[in-house]
Amino acid sequence: MKLGWLDMLANQTVFQHHLLEEGLWNAVLISGAGAIFTGFGGPRQLLAFISGFALGPAWGTVYATAITLSGAIGCFYIARLFLRSALESRAHQRMKTFNALTRDQPLIKILMIRLLPVGSNLLTNLFAGSSRIGAGPFLLGSGIGYLPQMMIFSLIGAGFGQASQLQFVLATCMFLVAAGLGLFLYRDHRNRILAESVIKPHLPT
C-alpha cells in the first residue's frame, strides 16, 4: 500500500533520493516544509530522528539543526514584523514577564529555555520576536540549546549500526551536561518565572 509522504519518511533510500538527488528545488521544498513544521510548534526531535535515519548521525544532526533554526528565525521575524501588537494584546502579562526577564543576558536566557524540555518552541519564537531581543543572541542561544537533543535523536534515528558506540556515548554525555546546565540555570527564581512564561502551548483566547 502506498502512503505518499509517509513512504518517503519511512524509507532511508527514498528520503535521501528526494532530498539529495531530485534537484535543488525539491530539496528546498522539503527543507522549507521542515522549517515551517518545527518553527510553528512541530517536534524538532521528529525531524532529527528522520534526518538521522536518512542521512546518518553527523549530517542528520547538522541538517536537522539548520532547518530547525531556519524555522525559528522565520517565526521570530514574522512575530516581530506582523504579530507584536496582537501578542501584546492577547498575552500581555506573559509578554511583559518575558521582556523583563530577557532584558539582561538574552543569549543565556534563550539557551536555558532551549535546553529545558518543558518550554514551547512556538511560544519562545513568538515571544522573542515580539520582545527587544536581538536576532543574534536568539539565533546563537537557540542553536547551542537545540544541538544536544538534535544529536541524540539523530543518533537514535541512525541506529546503532551506523552510529559508533563512542559517538553515542559522547552524545549522551553532551545531552546530560546540557540538561544539567539548563537545570542549574533554572534554579534561579527569575529563570523559573521565565521558563514558566513559555511552558503552556496555547495563547489565551
Foldseek 3Di string as FASTA:
>chain_A
DDDPVVVCLVDLVSVCCQQPPPDDVSVCVVLQVLLQCLLQFHDLLSQLLSLLLNPNLPVSLVSSLVSPLSSLVVLLQCLQPPNLVVCCVQVVVLLVLLQVLCVPPVLVLLLLLLLDPQFGSNQVSNSNSNHPDDPVSNSNSNSVSPRLSSSQSSDVSNDCVRDPPVSNVVSVVVSVVSNVSSVVVCVDPSSVSNNVSGRDHDTHD
